[in-house]
Amino acid sequence: MEYKDYYQTLGVKKTATEDEIKKAYRKLVRKYHPDVSKEPDAQKKTQELNEAYGVLGDAEKRAAYDELGQGHHYRAGQEFRPPPDWSRTYGGGDFAGNGFGNGGAGPGASDFFADLFAHLGGRRRAAPTRGEDSHASIAIDLTDSYQGATRHITLYIPERDAHDRIITRERTLSVNIPKGVTAGQQLRLSGQGQPGAAGPGDLYLEIQFTPDARYRVDGRDVYETVPVAPWEAALGAEINLPTPSGKVTVTVPAGSQAGRKLRLRGRGIPGNPAGDLYLLLEVVLPPADSARARELYQAMARDLAFNPRGG
């Protein structure tokens, strides 16, 4: 059976602190979560990350894993052998007939993971412990933040079955997206984390906005690029345009230049206070793709005597 390096899976050193392990796990889960990742092996990668964090994120499991991972106890490619004092320390017994070396894990869980902790329940504990908190990300549209929404996510959770084997269970949750959430904000789902003897932990979902070329978000402020014709910018105009909060009519002041910023107070992401919506004007030139269009451009060049590079 091949040894699995959970530290390598999470991309951390063996001396990593609990906080460093948690940060690495959160970053990778956000990257590979099947709801947002385009990687072909995103689901498998997410299962591997959950498995690794299920061990390294628990102090007792990590200690047992580190002990088995010492070079004189377990080397890559060797047959699984526990350390000599495992029975005394962890309550294990006969390893030939108690699931070690024979797999026994359900679908989605590695044999190494199942074998490593199939008997961890026999270890003496001072008191039952609460399950670990889980972390994942959820991608929403910007309009979801303006209006609120309900979204469904699928999680892959390692847990013990009735026979004390580690399995990976697929779980679909309905998540209420409250109005006014911002990118990076975390939603807490109580009791939806890892199982534990004293009850499950919580699930924290980090909000991410689905990329949209029309908008850029900074906190609660939203920036929207608005194309305008040269005569609308030069002469002024009233234009209708869509925004995340609905259609609006905006006055473009006469003499506007490309890059001018128009502020619509309180039209950003809702909150207390709400953000603002900034409209960035982009002057778009009509193509000179006809004889008449070229005549008009030639007349402008002749009559306006305009030099954009002048002093």
C-alpha atoms as a PDB file:
ATOM      1  CA  MET A   1       0.000   0.000   0.000  1.00  0.00           C
ATOM      2  CA  GLU A   2       1.400   3.381  -0.960  1.00  0.00           C
ATOM      3  CA  TYR A   3       2.037   5.954   1.726  1.00  0.00           C
ATOM      4  CA  LYS A   4       0.039   9.176   1.235  1.00  0.00           C
ATOM      5  CA  ASP A   5       1.774  12.427   2.117  1.00  0.00           C
ATOM      6  CA  TYR A   6      -1.005  14.671   3.394  1.00  0.00           C
ATOM      7  CA  TYR A   7       1.443  17.537   3.924  1.00  0.00           C
ATOM      8  CA  GLN A   8       2.308  17.436   0.238  1.00  0.00           C
ATOM      9  CA  THR A   9      -1.393  17.300  -0.675  1.00  0.00           C
ATOM     10  CA  LEU A  10      -1.990  20.592   1.170  1.00  0.00           C
ATOM     11  CA  GLY A  11       1.336  22.072   0.076  1.00  0.00           C
ATOM     12  CA  VAL A  12       2.644  22.748   3.598  1.00  0.00           C
ATOM     13  CA  LYS A  13       5.720  21.753   5.554  1.00  0.00           C
ATOM     14  CA  LYS A  14       5.586  19.103   8.291  1.00  0.00           C
ATOM     15  CA  THR A  15       6.341  21.892  10.779  1.00  0.00           C
ATOM     16  CA  ALA A  16       3.310  23.922   9.640  1.00  0.00           C
ATOM     17  CA  THR A  17       1.148  25.422  12.363  1.00  0.00           C
ATOM     18  CA  GLU A  18      -2.555  24.677  12.713  1.00  0.00           C
ATOM     19  CA  ASP A  19      -3.361  28.099  11.244  1.00  0.00           C
ATOM     20  CA  GLU A  20      -1.043  27.557   8.250  1.00  0.00           C
ATOM     21  CA  ILE A  21      -2.676  24.199   7.523  1.00  0.00           C
ATOM     22  CA  LYS A  22      -6.148  25.712   7.738  1.00  0.00           C
ATOM     23  CA  LYS A  23      -5.222  28.605   5.401  1.00  0.00           C
ATOM     24  CA  ALA A  24      -3.673  26.244   2.850  1.00  0.00           C
ATOM     25  CA  TYR A  25      -6.765  24.018   2.938  1.00  0.00           C
ATOM     26  CA  ARG A  26      -9.162  26.952   2.474  1.00  0.00           C
ATOM     27  CA  LYS A  27      -7.158  28.298  -0.473  1.00  0.00           C
ATOM     28  CA  LEU A  28      -7.026  24.962  -2.284  1.00  0.00           C
ATOM     29  CA  VAL A  29     -10.681  24.105  -1.607  1.00  0.00           C
ATOM     30  CA  ARG A  30     -11.707  27.428  -3.148  1.00  0.00           C
ATOM     31  CA  LYS A  31      -9.538  26.664  -6.189  1.00  0.00           C
ATOM     32  CA  TYR A  32     -10.749  23.122  -6.813  1.00  0.00           C
ATOM     33  CA  HIS A  33     -14.333  23.170  -5.561  1.00  0.00           C
ATOM     34  CA  PRO A  34     -16.463  21.530  -8.317  1.00  0.00           C
ATOM     35  CA  ASP A  35     -18.964  24.415  -8.244  1.00  0.00           C
ATOM     36  CA  VAL A  36     -16.364  26.951  -9.429  1.00  0.00           C
ATOM     37  CA  SER A  37     -13.353  25.041 -10.758  1.00  0.00           C
ATOM     38  CA  LYS A  38     -12.859  24.195 -14.427  1.00  0.00           C
ATOM     39  CA  GLU A  39     -10.177  21.611 -13.629  1.00  0.00           C
ATOM     40  CA  PRO A  40     -11.142  18.153 -15.017  1.00  0.00           C
ATOM     41  CA  ASP A  41     -10.185  16.420 -11.750  1.00  0.00           C
ATOM     42  CA  ALA A  42     -11.706  19.011  -9.412  1.00  0.00           C
ATOM     43  CA  GLN A  43     -13.990  16.540  -7.604  1.00  0.00           C
ATOM     44  CA  LYS A  44     -11.194  14.031  -6.999  1.00  0.00           C
ATOM     45  CA  LYS A  45      -8.858  16.802  -5.876  1.00  0.00           C
ATOM     46  CA  THR A  46     -11.493  18.134  -3.455  1.00  0.00           C
ATOM     47  CA  GLN A  47     -11.893  14.658  -1.934  1.00  0.00           C
ATOM     48  CA  GLU A  48      -8.118  14.395  -1.479  1.00  0.00           C
ATOM     49  CA  LEU A  49      -8.002  17.818   0.186  1.00  0.00           C
ATOM     50  CA  ASN A  50     -10.854  16.933   2.547  1.00  0.00           C
ATOM     51  CA  GLU A  51      -9.133  13.678   3.419  1.00  0.00           C
ATOM     52  CA  ALA A  52      -5.801  15.389   4.117  1.00  0.00           C
ATOM     53  CA  TYR A  53      -7.369  18.146   6.197  1.00  0.00           C
ATOM     54  CA  GLY A  54      -9.487  15.617   8.085  1.00  0.00           C
ATOM     55  CA  VAL A  55      -6.190  14.269   9.435  1.00  0.00           C
ATOM     56  CA  LEU A  56      -3.862  17.267   9.673  1.00  0.00           C
ATOM     57  CA  GLY A  57      -6.618  19.544  10.934  1.00  0.00           C
ATOM     58  CA  ASP A  58      -7.156  17.346  14.004  1.00  0.00           C
ATOM     59  CA  ALA A  59      -4.370  17.450  16.602  1.00  0.00           C
ATOM     60  CA  GLU A  60      -4.796  13.833  17.729  1.00  0.00           C
ATOM     61  CA  LYS A  61      -5.088  12.411  14.226  1.00  0.00           C
ATOM     62  CA  ARG A  62      -2.100  14.446  13.103  1.00  0.00           C
ATOM     63  CA  ALA A  63       0.003  13.128  15.974  1.00  0.00           C
ATOM     64  CA  ALA A  64      -0.900   9.547  15.074  1.00  0.00           C
ATOM     65  CA  TYR A  65      -0.205  10.203  11.385  1.00  0.00           C
ATOM     66  CA  ASP A  66       3.164  11.807  12.132  1.00  0.00           C
ATOM     67  CA  GLU A  67       4.143   8.850  14.297  1.00  0.00           C
ATOM     68  CA  LEU A  68       3.306   6.359  11.552  1.00  0.00           C
ATOM     69  CA  GLY A  69       5.023   8.506   8.970  1.00  0.00           C
ATOM     70  CA  GLN A  70       8.452   8.367  10.613  1.00  0.00           C
ATOM     71  CA  GLY A  71      11.003   6.823   8.308  1.00  0.00           C
ATOM     72  CA  HIS A  72      11.710   3.763  10.459  1.00  0.00           C
ATOM     73  CA  HIS A  73       7.990   2.994  10.796  1.00  0.00           C
ATOM     74  CA  TYR A  74       6.581   3.589   7.343  1.00  0.00           C
ATOM     75  CA  ARG A  75       8.282   4.280   4.028  1.00  0.00           C
ATOM     76  CA  ALA A  76       6.665   4.838   0.651  1.00  0.00           C
ATOM     77  CA  GLY A  77       5.776   1.522  -0.964  1.00  0.00           C
ATOM     78  CA  GLN A  78       6.249  -0.588   2.164  1.00  0.00           C
ATOM     79  CA  GLU A  79       3.574  -2.815   3.662  1.00  0.00           C
ATOM     80  CA  PHE A  80       1.571  -1.039   6.354  1.00  0.00           C
ATOM     81  CA  ARG A  81       3.109  -1.583   9.795  1.00  0.00           C
ATOM     82  CA  PRO A  82       2.122   0.315  12.954  1.00  0.00           C
ATOM     83  CA  PRO A  83       4.734   1.512  15.441  1.00  0.00           C
ATOM     84  CA  PRO A  84       5.623  -0.958  18.222  1.00  0.00           C
ATOM     85  CA  ASP A  85       3.746   0.909  20.951  1.00  0.00           C
ATOM     86  CA  TRP A  86       0.545   1.476  18.946  1.00  0.00           C
ATOM     87  CA  SER A  87      -1.488  -1.036  20.979  1.00  0.00           C
ATOM     88  CA  ARG A  88      -0.587   0.614  24.260  1.00  0.00           C
ATOM     89  CA  THR A  89      -1.021   4.198  23.057  1.00  0.00           C
ATOM     90  CA  TYR A  90      -3.986   3.942  20.728  1.00  0.00           C
ATOM     91  CA  GLY A  91      -5.814   0.861  21.876  1.00  0.00           C
ATOM     92  CA  GLY A  92      -5.166  -1.080  18.653  1.00  0.00           C
ATOM     93  CA  GLY A  93      -4.736  -4.834  18.715  1.00  0.00           C
ATOM     94  CA  ASP A  94      -4.268  -7.493  16.079  1.00  0.00           C
ATOM     95  CA  PHE A  95      -3.571  -5.616  12.854  1.00  0.00           C
ATOM     96  CA  ALA A  96      -3.719  -8.669  10.623  1.00  0.00           C
ATOM     97  CA  GLY A  97      -7.448  -9.172  11.037  1.00  0.00           C
ATOM     98  CA  ASN A  98      -8.811  -5.771  12.050  1.00  0.00           C
ATOM     99  CA  GLY A  99      -9.048  -3.980   8.735  1.00  0.00           C
ATOM    100  CA  PHE A 100      -5.412  -2.781   8.473  1.00  0.00           C
ATOM    101  CA  GLY A 101      -3.859  -3.630   5.136  1.00  0.00           C
ATOM    102  CA  ASN A 102      -7.130  -4.827   3.620  1.00  0.00           C
ATOM    103  CA  GLY A 103      -8.766  -1.535   2.808  1.00  0.00           C
ATOM    104  CA  GLY A 104     -12.349  -1.676   4.049  1.00  0.00           C
ATOM    105  CA  ALA A 105     -13.053   1.940   3.185  1.00  0.00           C
ATOM    106  CA  GLY A 106     -16.192   2.925   1.363  1.00  0.00           C
ATOM    107  CA  PRO A 107     -16.275   4.595  -2.071  1.00  0.00           C
ATOM    108  CA  GLY A 108     -14.238   7.757  -2.335  1.00  0.00           C
ATOM    109  CA  ALA A 109     -11.991   7.193   0.684  1.00  0.00           C
ATOM    110  CA  SER A 110      -8.417   5.930   0.265  1.00  0.00           C
ATOM    111  CA  ASP A 111      -7.357   2.625   1.775  1.00  0.00           C
ATOM    112  CA  PHE A 112      -4.516   4.419   3.501  1.00  0.00           C
ATOM    113  CA  PHE A 113      -6.901   6.862   5.201  1.00  0.00           C
ATOM    114  CA  ALA A 114      -9.276   4.099   6.295  1.00  0.00           C
ATOM    115  CA  ASP A 115      -6.499   1.845   7.589  1.00  0.00           C
ATOM    116  CA  LEU A 116      -4.732   4.613   9.389  1.00  0.00           C
ATOM    117  CA  PHE A 117      -7.689   5.605  11.543  1.00  0.00           C
ATOM    118  CA  ALA A 118     -10.036   2.630  11.594  1.00  0.00           C
ATOM    119  CA  HIS A 119      -9.019   2.022  15.233  1.00  0.00           C
ATOM    120  CA  LEU A 120      -8.433   5.561  16.380  1.00  0.00           C
ATOM    121  CA  GLY A 121     -11.727   5.381  18.271  1.00  0.00           C
ATOM    122  CA  GLY A 122      -9.990   3.093  20.769  1.00  0.00           C
ATOM    123  CA  ARG A 123      -7.634   5.842  21.877  1.00  0.00           C
ATOM    124  CA  ARG A 124      -8.280   7.130  25.371  1.00  0.00           C
ATOM    125  CA  ARG A 125      -9.743  10.672  25.304  1.00  0.00           C
ATOM    126  CA  ALA A 126     -10.314  13.055  28.153  1.00  0.00           C
ATOM    127  CA  ALA A 127     -13.732  14.052  26.827  1.00  0.00           C
ATOM    128  CA  PRO A 128     -15.794  13.885  23.615  1.00  0.00           C
ATOM    129  CA  THR A 129     -14.773  16.526  21.108  1.00  0.00           C
ATOM    130  CA  ARG A 130     -16.795  18.571  18.687  1.00  0.00           C
ATOM    131  CA  GLY A 131     -16.290  17.972  14.971  1.00  0.00           C
ATOM    132  CA  GLU A 132     -13.986  20.149  12.914  1.00  0.00           C
ATOM    133  CA  ASP A 133     -15.354  23.177  11.090  1.00  0.00           C
ATOM    134  CA  SER A 134     -15.407  22.837   7.294  1.00  0.00           C
ATOM    135  CA  HIS A 135     -14.622  25.552   4.773  1.00  0.00           C
ATOM    136  CA  ALA A 136     -15.722  25.914   1.160  1.00  0.00           C
ATOM    137  CA  SER A 137     -16.576  28.645  -1.332  1.00  0.00           C
ATOM    138  CA  ILE A 138     -19.739  29.459  -3.248  1.00  0.00           C
ATOM    139  CA  ALA A 139     -19.921  31.507  -6.453  1.00  0.00           C
ATOM    140  CA  ILE A 140     -22.907  33.819  -6.914  1.00  0.00           C
ATOM    141  CA  ASP A 141     -23.927  36.458  -9.433  1.00  0.00           C
ATOM    142  CA  LEU A 142     -23.617  40.105  -8.474  1.00  0.00           C
ATOM    143  CA  THR A 143     -27.380  40.458  -8.785  1.00  0.00           C
ATOM    144  CA  ASP A 144     -27.779  37.789  -6.075  1.00  0.00           C
ATOM    145  CA  SER A 145     -26.116  40.190  -3.657  1.00  0.00           C
ATOM    146  CA  TYR A 146     -28.565  42.951  -4.617  1.00  0.00           C
ATOM    147  CA  GLN A 147     -31.698  40.849  -4.291  1.00  0.00           C
ATOM    148  CA  GLY A 148     -30.826  37.816  -2.163  1.00  0.00           C
ATOM    149  CA  ALA A 149     -31.134  34.282  -3.535  1.00  0.00           C
ATOM    150  CA  THR A 150     -31.208  30.558  -2.769  1.00  0.00           C
ATOM    151  CA  ARG A 151     -28.444  28.369  -4.145  1.00  0.00           C
ATOM    152  CA  HIS A 152     -27.648  24.654  -3.892  1.00  0.00           C
ATOM    153  CA  ILE A 153     -24.158  23.307  -3.281  1.00  0.00           C
ATOM    154  CA  THR A 154     -22.769  19.771  -3.209  1.00  0.00           C
ATOM    155  CA  LEU A 155     -20.132  18.833  -0.638  1.00  0.00           C
ATOM    156  CA  TYR A 156     -18.010  15.704  -0.315  1.00  0.00           C
ATOM    157  CA  ILE A 157     -17.629  14.872   3.377  1.00  0.00           C
ATOM    158  CA  PRO A 158     -15.365  12.154   4.855  1.00  0.00           C
ATOM    159  CA  GLU A 159     -17.084  10.448   7.799  1.00  0.00           C
ATOM    160  CA  ARG A 160     -17.392   7.128   9.663  1.00  0.00           C
ATOM    161  CA  ASP A 161     -20.093   4.635   8.787  1.00  0.00           C
ATOM    162  CA  ALA A 162     -21.838   2.175  11.145  1.00  0.00           C
ATOM    163  CA  HIS A 163     -18.858  -0.175  10.856  1.00  0.00           C
ATOM    164  CA  ASP A 164     -16.382   2.566  11.856  1.00  0.00           C
ATOM    165  CA  ARG A 165     -15.022   2.826   8.313  1.00  0.00           C
ATOM    166  CA  ILE A 166     -14.123   6.131   6.677  1.00  0.00           C
ATOM    167  CA  ILE A 167     -16.347   6.879   3.689  1.00  0.00           C
ATOM    168  CA  THR A 168     -16.953   9.975   1.575  1.00  0.00           C
ATOM    169  CA  ARG A 169     -20.561  11.082   1.530  1.00  0.00           C
ATOM    170  CA  GLU A 170     -22.054  13.436  -1.030  1.00  0.00           C
ATOM    171  CA  ARG A 171     -24.271  16.047   0.567  1.00  0.00           C
ATOM    172  CA  THR A 172     -26.396  18.701  -1.135  1.00  0.00           C
ATOM    173  CA  LEU A 173     -27.338  21.776   0.851  1.00  0.00           C
ATOM    174  CA  SER A 174     -29.740  24.617   0.136  1.00  0.00           C
ATOM    175  CA  VAL A 175     -28.064  27.903   0.998  1.00  0.00           C
ATOM    176  CA  ASN A 176     -29.872  31.198   1.522  1.00  0.00           C
ATOM    177  CA  ILE A 177     -27.820  34.082   0.115  1.00  0.00           C
ATOM    178  CA  PRO A 178     -28.757  37.169   2.146  1.00  0.00           C
ATOM    179  CA  LYS A 179     -29.172  40.507   0.464  1.00  0.00           C
ATOM    180  CA  GLY A 180     -26.072  42.664   0.703  1.00  0.00           C
ATOM    181  CA  VAL A 181     -23.351  39.972   0.966  1.00  0.00           C
ATOM    182  CA  THR A 182     -19.920  40.966  -0.299  1.00  0.00           C
ATOM    183  CA  ALA A 183     -17.021  39.055  -1.831  1.00  0.00           C
ATOM    184  CA  GLY A 184     -14.919  37.368   0.856  1.00  0.00           C
ATOM    185  CA  GLN A 185     -17.739  37.352   3.398  1.00  0.00           C
ATOM    186  CA  GLN A 186     -18.342  33.988   5.077  1.00  0.00           C
ATOM    187  CA  LEU A 187     -21.735  32.421   5.676  1.00  0.00           C
ATOM    188  CA  ARG A 188     -21.914  30.108   8.690  1.00  0.00           C
ATOM    189  CA  LEU A 189     -24.062  26.989   8.440  1.00  0.00           C
ATOM    190  CA  SER A 190     -24.359  25.655  11.967  1.00  0.00           C
ATOM    191  CA  GLY A 191     -23.882  21.910  12.404  1.00  0.00           C
ATOM    192  CA  GLN A 192     -22.962  21.236   8.773  1.00  0.00           C
ATOM    193  CA  GLY A 193     -19.237  20.653   9.371  1.00  0.00           C
ATOM    194  CA  GLN A 194     -17.298  17.500  10.228  1.00  0.00           C
ATOM    195  CA  PRO A 195     -18.984  14.983  12.569  1.00  0.00           C
ATOM    196  CA  GLY A 196     -17.681  14.604  16.126  1.00  0.00           C
ATOM    197  CA  ALA A 197     -18.493  12.764  19.337  1.00  0.00           C
ATOM    198  CA  ALA A 198     -19.794  15.988  20.891  1.00  0.00           C
ATOM    199  CA  GLY A 199     -21.652  17.055  17.763  1.00  0.00           C
ATOM    200  CA  PRO A 200     -20.727  18.276  14.289  1.00  0.00           C
ATOM    201  CA  GLY A 201     -18.737  21.404  13.563  1.00  0.00           C
ATOM    202  CA  ASP A 202     -19.942  24.272  11.406  1.00  0.00           C
ATOM    203  CA  LEU A 203     -19.589  24.910   7.689  1.00  0.00           C
ATOM    204  CA  TYR A 204     -18.223  28.280   6.543  1.00  0.00           C
ATOM    205  CA  LEU A 205     -18.935  29.301   2.946  1.00  0.00           C
ATOM    206  CA  GLU A 206     -16.858  32.115   1.477  1.00  0.00           C
ATOM    207  CA  ILE A 207     -18.716  34.293  -1.024  1.00  0.00           C
ATOM    208  CA  GLN A 208     -17.206  34.745  -4.476  1.00  0.00           C
ATOM    209  CA  PHE A 209     -18.726  36.683  -7.370  1.00  0.00           C
ATOM    210  CA  THR A 210     -18.961  34.994 -10.748  1.00  0.00           C
ATOM    211  CA  PRO A 211     -16.730  37.028 -13.124  1.00  0.00           C
ATOM    212  CA  ASP A 212     -18.717  39.531 -15.215  1.00  0.00           C
ATOM    213  CA  ALA A 213     -16.926  41.722 -17.769  1.00  0.00           C
ATOM    214  CA  ARG A 214     -19.470  44.501 -17.240  1.00  0.00           C
ATOM    215  CA  TYR A 215     -18.735  45.093 -13.575  1.00  0.00           C
ATOM    216  CA  ARG A 216     -15.888  45.495 -11.143  1.00  0.00           C
ATOM    217  CA  VAL A 217     -16.578  45.281  -7.413  1.00  0.00           C
ATOM    218  CA  ASP A 218     -14.645  47.015  -4.637  1.00  0.00           C
ATOM    219  CA  GLY A 219     -16.210  46.300  -1.256  1.00  0.00           C
ATOM    220  CA  ARG A 220     -19.774  47.540  -1.644  1.00  0.00           C
ATOM    221  CA  ASP A 221     -18.946  49.903  -4.515  1.00  0.00           C
ATOM    222  CA  VAL A 222     -19.595  48.713  -8.065  1.00  0.00           C
ATOM    223  CA  TYR A 223     -17.953  50.053 -11.232  1.00  0.00           C
ATOM    224  CA  GLU A 224     -19.690  49.698 -14.594  1.00  0.00           C
ATOM    225  CA  THR A 225     -18.213  50.618 -17.988  1.00  0.00           C
ATOM    226  CA  VAL A 226     -20.735  52.542 -20.150  1.00  0.00           C
ATOM    227  CA  PRO A 227     -20.117  52.916 -23.910  1.00  0.00           C
ATOM    228  CA  VAL A 228     -21.244  56.293 -25.359  1.00  0.00           C
ATOM    229  CA  ALA A 229     -21.161  57.738 -28.880  1.00  0.00           C
ATOM    230  CA  PRO A 230     -18.902  60.751 -29.610  1.00  0.00           C
ATOM    231  CA  TRP A 231     -21.883  63.086 -30.018  1.00  0.00           C
ATOM    232  CA  GLU A 232     -23.417  61.889 -26.737  1.00  0.00           C
ATOM    233  CA  ALA A 233     -20.173  62.726 -24.958  1.00  0.00           C
ATOM    234  CA  ALA A 234     -19.686  66.037 -26.767  1.00  0.00           C
ATOM    235  CA  LEU A 235     -23.257  67.354 -26.779  1.00  0.00           C
ATOM    236  CA  GLY A 236     -24.657  65.611 -23.720  1.00  0.00           C
ATOM    237  CA  ALA A 237     -27.456  63.056 -23.724  1.00  0.00           C
ATOM    238  CA  GLU A 238     -29.840  61.000 -21.659  1.00  0.00           C
ATOM    239  CA  ILE A 239     -29.151  57.297 -21.968  1.00  0.00           C
ATOM    240  CA  ASN A 240     -30.861  54.187 -20.636  1.00  0.00           C
ATOM    241  CA  LEU A 241     -28.690  51.376 -19.335  1.00  0.00           C
ATOM    242  CA  PRO A 242     -28.983  48.212 -17.242  1.00  0.00           C
ATOM    243  CA  THR A 243     -27.422  48.065 -13.768  1.00  0.00           C
ATOM    244  CA  PRO A 244     -27.344  45.302 -11.132  1.00  0.00           C
ATOM    245  CA  SER A 245     -30.320  46.944  -9.423  1.00  0.00           C
ATOM    246  CA  GLY A 246     -32.339  47.449 -12.643  1.00  0.00           C
ATOM    247  CA  LYS A 247     -32.554  49.860 -15.567  1.00  0.00           C
ATOM    248  CA  VAL A 248     -31.763  53.528 -14.980  1.00  0.00           C
ATOM    249  CA  THR A 249     -31.786  56.720 -17.033  1.00  0.00           C
ATOM    250  CA  VAL A 250     -28.564  58.697 -16.759  1.00  0.00           C
ATOM    251  CA  THR A 251     -27.631  62.157 -17.991  1.00  0.00           C
ATOM    252  CA  VAL A 252     -24.271  62.345 -19.736  1.00  0.00           C
ATOM    253  CA  PRO A 253     -22.972  65.908 -19.265  1.00  0.00           C
ATOM    254  CA  ALA A 254     -21.946  67.812 -22.416  1.00  0.00           C
ATOM    255  CA  GLY A 255     -18.207  67.847 -22.998  1.00  0.00           C
ATOM    256  CA  SER A 256     -17.602  64.503 -21.305  1.00  0.00           C
ATOM    257  CA  GLN A 257     -14.353  62.734 -22.073  1.00  0.00           C
ATOM    258  CA  ALA A 258     -13.546  59.046 -22.090  1.00  0.00           C
ATOM    259  CA  GLY A 259     -12.884  57.848 -18.534  1.00  0.00           C
ATOM    260  CA  ARG A 260     -15.245  60.335 -16.894  1.00  0.00           C
ATOM    261  CA  LYS A 261     -16.830  58.857 -13.782  1.00  0.00           C
ATOM    262  CA  LEU A 262     -20.508  59.382 -12.939  1.00  0.00           C
ATOM    263  CA  ARG A 263     -21.565  58.493  -9.410  1.00  0.00           C
ATOM    264  CA  LEU A 264     -24.969  57.054  -8.538  1.00  0.00           C
ATOM    265  CA  ARG A 265     -25.125  57.266  -4.757  1.00  0.00           C
ATOM    266  CA  GLY A 266     -26.547  54.230  -2.960  1.00  0.00           C
ATOM    267  CA  ARG A 267     -26.780  52.134  -6.140  1.00  0.00           C
ATOM    268  CA  GLY A 268     -23.969  49.798  -5.114  1.00  0.00           C
ATOM    269  CA  ILE A 269     -24.324  46.628  -3.049  1.00  0.00           C
ATOM    270  CA  PRO A 270     -27.051  47.103  -0.390  1.00  0.00           C
ATOM    271  CA  GLY A 271     -25.919  47.585   3.179  1.00  0.00           C
ATOM    272  CA  ASN A 272     -25.783  50.051   6.028  1.00  0.00           C
ATOM    273  CA  PRO A 273     -24.611  52.168   4.358  1.00  0.00           C
ATOM    274  CA  ALA A 274     -25.095  50.931   0.808  1.00  0.00           C
ATOM    275  CA  GLY A 275     -22.271  51.233  -1.680  1.00  0.00           C
ATOM    276  CA  ASP A 276     -22.262  53.483  -4.729  1.00  0.00           C
ATOM    277  CA  LEU A 277     -22.422  52.675  -8.433  1.00  0.00           C
ATOM    278  CA  TYR A 278     -19.788  54.378 -10.575  1.00  0.00           C
ATOM    279  CA  LEU A 279     -20.343  54.660 -14.329  1.00  0.00           C
ATOM    280  CA  LEU A 280     -17.115  54.905 -16.329  1.00  0.00           C
ATOM    281  CA  LEU A 281     -17.731  56.513 -19.733  1.00  0.00           C
ATOM    282  CA  GLU A 282     -16.076  54.882 -22.715  1.00  0.00           C
ATOM    283  CA  VAL A 283     -16.307  56.849 -25.986  1.00  0.00           C
ATOM    284  CA  VAL A 284     -16.854  54.431 -28.876  1.00  0.00           C
ATOM    285  CA  LEU A 285     -16.202  55.668 -32.426  1.00  0.00           C
ATOM    286  CA  PRO A 286     -18.462  54.573 -35.287  1.00  0.00           C
ATOM    287  CA  PRO A 287     -16.543  52.698 -38.012  1.00  0.00           C
ATOM    288  CA  ALA A 288     -15.577  54.475 -41.215  1.00  0.00           C
ATOM    289  CA  ASP A 289     -16.909  51.603 -43.283  1.00  0.00           C
ATOM    290  CA  SER A 290     -18.908  53.517 -45.893  1.00  0.00           C
ATOM    291  CA  ALA A 291     -18.337  56.432 -48.254  1.00  0.00           C
ATOM    292  CA  ARG A 292     -20.696  58.651 -46.240  1.00  0.00           C
ATOM    293  CA  ALA A 293     -18.978  57.797 -42.958  1.00  0.00           C
ATOM    294  CA  ARG A 294     -15.584  58.663 -44.426  1.00  0.00           C
ATOM    295  CA  GLU A 295     -16.959  61.985 -45.756  1.00  0.00           C
ATOM    296  CA  LEU A 296     -18.173  62.900 -42.263  1.00  0.00           C
ATOM    297  CA  TYR A 297     -14.826  62.044 -40.698  1.00  0.00           C
ATOM    298  CA  GLN A 298     -13.026  64.049 -43.412  1.00  0.00           C
ATOM    299  CA  ALA A 299     -15.317  67.018 -42.789  1.00  0.00           C
ATOM    300  CA  MET A 300     -14.612  66.839 -39.042  1.00  0.00           C
ATOM    301  CA  ALA A 301     -10.884  66.681 -39.690  1.00  0.00           C
ATOM    302  CA  ARG A 302     -11.131  69.728 -41.975  1.00  0.00           C
ATOM    303  CA  ASP A 303     -13.615  71.912 -40.093  1.00  0.00           C
ATOM    304  CA  LEU A 304     -12.842  71.207 -36.429  1.00  0.00           C
ATOM    305  CA  ALA A 305      -9.085  71.625 -36.641  1.00  0.00           C
ATOM    306  CA  PHE A 306      -8.773  69.462 -33.567  1.00  0.00           C
ATOM    307  CA  ASN A 307      -5.435  68.076 -32.439  1.00  0.00           C
ATOM    308  CA  PRO A 308      -5.836  65.569 -29.559  1.00  0.00           C
ATOM    309  CA  ARG A 309      -2.091  65.754 -28.917  1.00  0.00           C
ATOM    310  CA  GLY A 310      -2.012  69.520 -28.735  1.00  0.00           C
ATOM    311  CA  GLY A 311      -0.879  71.412 -25.666  1.00  0.00           C
END
